[in-house]
N, C-alpha and C. Protein backbone atom coordinates (compact mmCIF):
# COMPACT_ATOMS: atom_id res chain seq x y z
N MET A 1 157.74 99.12 237.30
CA MET A 1 156.62 98.76 236.45
C MET A 1 156.36 97.26 236.57
N ASN A 2 155.12 96.89 236.74
CA ASN A 2 154.73 95.48 236.81
C ASN A 2 154.31 95.02 235.43
N PRO A 3 155.07 94.10 234.78
CA PRO A 3 154.75 93.68 233.41
C PRO A 3 153.45 92.89 233.31
N TRP A 4 152.89 92.46 234.44
CA TRP A 4 151.65 91.69 234.41
C TRP A 4 150.43 92.59 234.44
N GLU A 5 150.63 93.87 234.72
CA GLU A 5 149.50 94.79 234.74
C GLU A 5 149.21 95.25 233.31
N PRO A 6 147.92 95.38 232.97
CA PRO A 6 147.58 95.80 231.60
C PRO A 6 148.01 97.24 231.35
N ASN A 7 148.43 97.51 230.11
CA ASN A 7 148.80 98.86 229.72
C ASN A 7 147.57 99.71 229.46
N GLU A 8 146.52 99.09 229.01
CA GLU A 8 145.29 99.80 228.68
C GLU A 8 144.12 98.97 229.18
N SER A 9 143.02 99.64 229.45
CA SER A 9 141.83 98.88 229.85
C SER A 9 141.07 98.45 228.59
N MET A 10 140.35 97.36 228.72
CA MET A 10 139.52 96.88 227.62
C MET A 10 138.11 97.43 227.83
N PRO A 11 137.61 98.20 226.86
CA PRO A 11 136.26 98.75 227.03
C PRO A 11 135.22 97.64 227.05
N VAL A 12 134.32 97.74 228.00
CA VAL A 12 133.24 96.76 228.13
C VAL A 12 131.94 97.46 227.75
N ARG A 13 131.14 96.77 226.98
CA ARG A 13 129.85 97.31 226.54
C ARG A 13 128.73 96.44 227.10
N ARG A 14 127.59 97.06 227.34
CA ARG A 14 126.41 96.31 227.79
C ARG A 14 125.40 96.32 226.65
N ALA A 15 124.95 95.13 226.27
CA ALA A 15 123.95 95.00 225.22
C ALA A 15 122.56 95.29 225.78
N VAL A 16 121.59 95.39 224.90
CA VAL A 16 120.21 95.66 225.30
C VAL A 16 119.71 94.59 226.26
N ASP A 17 120.17 93.34 226.05
CA ASP A 17 119.72 92.23 226.91
C ASP A 17 120.46 92.17 228.25
N GLY A 18 121.39 93.11 228.48
CA GLY A 18 122.11 93.15 229.75
C GLY A 18 123.44 92.43 229.74
N GLN A 19 123.71 91.65 228.69
CA GLN A 19 124.99 90.94 228.59
C GLN A 19 126.14 91.94 228.45
N LEU A 20 127.28 91.59 229.01
CA LEU A 20 128.47 92.41 228.88
C LEU A 20 129.35 91.85 227.77
N TYR A 21 129.90 92.74 226.95
CA TYR A 21 130.73 92.33 225.82
C TYR A 21 131.97 93.21 225.74
N PHE A 22 133.05 92.67 225.17
CA PHE A 22 134.19 93.47 224.79
C PHE A 22 134.70 92.94 223.48
N ALA A 23 135.46 93.76 222.76
CA ALA A 23 135.88 93.44 221.40
C ALA A 23 136.78 92.20 221.37
N ALA A 24 136.50 91.34 220.40
CA ALA A 24 137.30 90.12 220.25
C ALA A 24 138.76 90.45 219.99
N THR A 25 139.02 91.54 219.29
CA THR A 25 140.42 91.91 219.04
C THR A 25 141.13 92.28 220.34
N ASP A 26 140.36 92.76 221.32
CA ASP A 26 140.96 93.01 222.63
C ASP A 26 141.35 91.70 223.30
N VAL A 27 140.54 90.68 223.11
CA VAL A 27 140.83 89.36 223.71
C VAL A 27 142.08 88.77 223.06
N THR A 28 142.14 88.79 221.74
CA THR A 28 143.32 88.22 221.08
C THR A 28 144.58 89.02 221.43
N GLY A 29 144.45 90.33 221.53
CA GLY A 29 145.59 91.15 221.95
C GLY A 29 146.03 90.82 223.36
N MET A 30 145.07 90.63 224.25
CA MET A 30 145.38 90.28 225.63
C MET A 30 146.11 88.94 225.70
N LEU A 31 145.61 87.95 224.94
CA LEU A 31 146.27 86.63 224.93
C LEU A 31 147.71 86.75 224.43
N ARG A 32 147.91 87.54 223.39
CA ARG A 32 149.26 87.71 222.86
C ARG A 32 150.16 88.47 223.83
N ASP A 33 149.60 89.47 224.52
CA ASP A 33 150.39 90.21 225.53
C ASP A 33 150.82 89.30 226.67
N ILE A 34 149.90 88.45 227.14
CA ILE A 34 150.24 87.52 228.21
C ILE A 34 151.31 86.55 227.74
N ALA A 35 151.13 86.02 226.52
CA ALA A 35 152.12 85.09 225.97
C ALA A 35 153.49 85.75 225.87
N GLY A 36 153.52 87.01 225.42
CA GLY A 36 154.78 87.73 225.30
C GLY A 36 155.45 87.94 226.65
N ALA A 37 154.65 88.30 227.66
CA ALA A 37 155.22 88.50 229.00
C ALA A 37 155.76 87.19 229.56
N ILE A 38 155.02 86.10 229.36
CA ILE A 38 155.49 84.80 229.84
C ILE A 38 156.79 84.42 229.15
N THR A 39 156.85 84.61 227.84
CA THR A 39 158.05 84.27 227.08
C THR A 39 159.25 85.09 227.55
N LEU A 40 159.01 86.39 227.75
CA LEU A 40 160.08 87.27 228.22
C LEU A 40 160.61 86.82 229.58
N HIS A 41 159.70 86.54 230.50
CA HIS A 41 160.12 86.14 231.84
C HIS A 41 160.71 84.74 231.86
N ALA A 42 160.23 83.86 230.99
CA ALA A 42 160.82 82.52 230.90
C ALA A 42 162.26 82.62 230.41
N HIS A 43 162.50 83.53 229.47
CA HIS A 43 163.85 83.73 228.96
C HIS A 43 164.77 84.27 230.06
N ASP A 44 164.23 85.19 230.86
CA ASP A 44 165.01 85.77 231.95
C ASP A 44 165.18 84.81 233.12
N GLY A 45 164.33 83.79 233.19
CA GLY A 45 164.41 82.81 234.27
C GLY A 45 163.83 83.30 235.58
N ASP A 46 162.94 84.30 235.52
CA ASP A 46 162.42 84.84 236.77
C ASP A 46 160.91 84.61 236.94
N LEU A 47 160.41 83.48 236.45
CA LEU A 47 159.00 83.14 236.62
C LEU A 47 158.78 82.42 237.95
N THR A 48 157.88 82.96 238.73
CA THR A 48 157.51 82.30 239.99
C THR A 48 156.00 82.42 240.19
N TRP A 49 155.49 81.53 241.01
CA TRP A 49 154.08 81.58 241.40
C TRP A 49 154.06 81.82 242.90
N THR A 50 153.29 82.82 243.31
CA THR A 50 153.20 83.11 244.74
C THR A 50 151.74 83.08 245.15
N SER A 51 151.43 82.20 246.06
CA SER A 51 150.10 82.13 246.63
C SER A 51 150.07 83.00 247.88
N GLU A 52 148.95 83.55 248.19
CA GLU A 52 148.86 84.46 249.34
C GLU A 52 149.40 83.80 250.60
N GLY A 53 150.35 84.47 251.22
CA GLY A 53 150.93 83.98 252.46
C GLY A 53 151.94 82.87 252.30
N GLU A 54 152.26 82.51 251.08
CA GLU A 54 153.20 81.42 250.81
C GLU A 54 154.48 81.95 250.18
N ALA A 55 155.52 81.14 250.22
CA ALA A 55 156.78 81.50 249.56
C ALA A 55 156.65 81.31 248.05
N ALA A 56 157.42 82.08 247.30
CA ALA A 56 157.40 81.98 245.84
C ALA A 56 157.92 80.61 245.39
N VAL A 57 157.26 80.05 244.40
CA VAL A 57 157.64 78.77 243.83
C VAL A 57 158.13 79.02 242.41
N PRO A 58 159.36 78.60 242.06
CA PRO A 58 159.85 78.81 240.69
C PRO A 58 159.06 77.95 239.70
N LEU A 59 158.80 78.53 238.53
CA LEU A 59 158.09 77.82 237.48
C LEU A 59 159.09 77.37 236.41
N ASP A 60 158.83 76.22 235.83
CA ASP A 60 159.69 75.66 234.79
C ASP A 60 159.57 76.51 233.52
N ALA A 61 160.71 77.02 233.04
CA ALA A 61 160.71 77.91 231.89
C ALA A 61 160.20 77.23 230.62
N ALA A 62 160.58 75.97 230.40
CA ALA A 62 160.12 75.26 229.20
C ALA A 62 158.61 75.07 229.21
N THR A 63 158.06 74.76 230.36
CA THR A 63 156.61 74.60 230.48
C THR A 63 155.91 75.92 230.23
N MET A 64 156.45 77.00 230.76
CA MET A 64 155.82 78.30 230.58
C MET A 64 155.91 78.77 229.13
N ARG A 65 156.99 78.44 228.44
CA ARG A 65 157.07 78.76 227.00
C ARG A 65 156.01 77.99 226.23
N THR A 66 155.74 76.76 226.66
CA THR A 66 154.67 75.98 226.03
C THR A 66 153.32 76.63 226.28
N VAL A 67 153.09 77.11 227.50
CA VAL A 67 151.85 77.82 227.81
C VAL A 67 151.74 79.05 226.91
N ALA A 68 152.82 79.78 226.72
CA ALA A 68 152.81 80.97 225.87
C ALA A 68 152.47 80.60 224.43
N ARG A 69 153.02 79.50 223.93
CA ARG A 69 152.71 79.07 222.56
C ARG A 69 151.24 78.69 222.43
N ILE A 70 150.69 78.05 223.46
CA ILE A 70 149.27 77.67 223.44
C ILE A 70 148.39 78.92 223.42
N LEU A 71 148.72 79.91 224.25
CA LEU A 71 147.95 81.16 224.26
C LEU A 71 148.01 81.85 222.90
N SER A 72 149.17 81.88 222.29
CA SER A 72 149.32 82.49 220.96
C SER A 72 148.51 81.72 219.92
N ALA A 73 148.53 80.40 220.00
CA ALA A 73 147.75 79.58 219.06
C ALA A 73 146.26 79.81 219.25
N GLN A 74 145.82 79.97 220.49
CA GLN A 74 144.40 80.27 220.75
C GLN A 74 144.02 81.62 220.14
N ALA A 75 144.89 82.60 220.28
CA ALA A 75 144.64 83.92 219.69
C ALA A 75 144.55 83.81 218.17
N ASP A 76 145.45 83.03 217.57
CA ASP A 76 145.42 82.83 216.11
C ASP A 76 144.12 82.17 215.67
N GLN A 77 143.69 81.13 216.40
CA GLN A 77 142.45 80.43 216.05
C GLN A 77 141.24 81.35 216.18
N LEU A 78 141.23 82.18 217.21
CA LEU A 78 140.14 83.12 217.38
C LEU A 78 140.12 84.13 216.23
N ASP A 79 141.29 84.61 215.83
CA ASP A 79 141.36 85.52 214.69
C ASP A 79 140.84 84.87 213.42
N ILE A 80 141.19 83.62 213.19
CA ILE A 80 140.72 82.90 212.01
C ILE A 80 139.20 82.80 212.02
N GLN A 81 138.64 82.46 213.18
CA GLN A 81 137.18 82.37 213.28
C GLN A 81 136.52 83.72 213.06
N LEU A 82 137.12 84.77 213.60
CA LEU A 82 136.57 86.12 213.42
C LEU A 82 136.60 86.55 211.97
N ILE A 83 137.69 86.24 211.27
CA ILE A 83 137.80 86.59 209.85
C ILE A 83 136.73 85.83 209.07
N ALA A 84 136.53 84.56 209.39
CA ALA A 84 135.51 83.76 208.71
C ALA A 84 134.11 84.32 208.95
N ILE A 85 133.82 84.71 210.18
CA ILE A 85 132.50 85.26 210.50
C ILE A 85 132.31 86.60 209.79
N ALA A 86 133.35 87.43 209.78
CA ALA A 86 133.26 88.75 209.13
C ALA A 86 133.01 88.62 207.63
N GLY A 87 133.51 87.52 207.05
CA GLY A 87 133.35 87.31 205.61
C GLY A 87 132.00 86.75 205.20
N GLN A 88 131.17 86.40 206.18
CA GLN A 88 129.87 85.80 205.87
C GLN A 88 128.86 86.85 205.54
């Protein structure tokens, strides 16, 4: 199983004007899932970046945990904004 592959697809909707949309809760969930996977792999010490045709480069675990915290904070901020908009 590849932990970077999504478990479920995010439904995409097309508005009357042709714009594509998906639920904000799907976005916050996706951000939290990515943060969780990064945190898990940082803890295991098996984070690498591989560019096509190149050798894998190890990623710094502390930096990746910081990235995970930033993604989680972004999800929290988006939730706060959504709650505020829903209350209007």
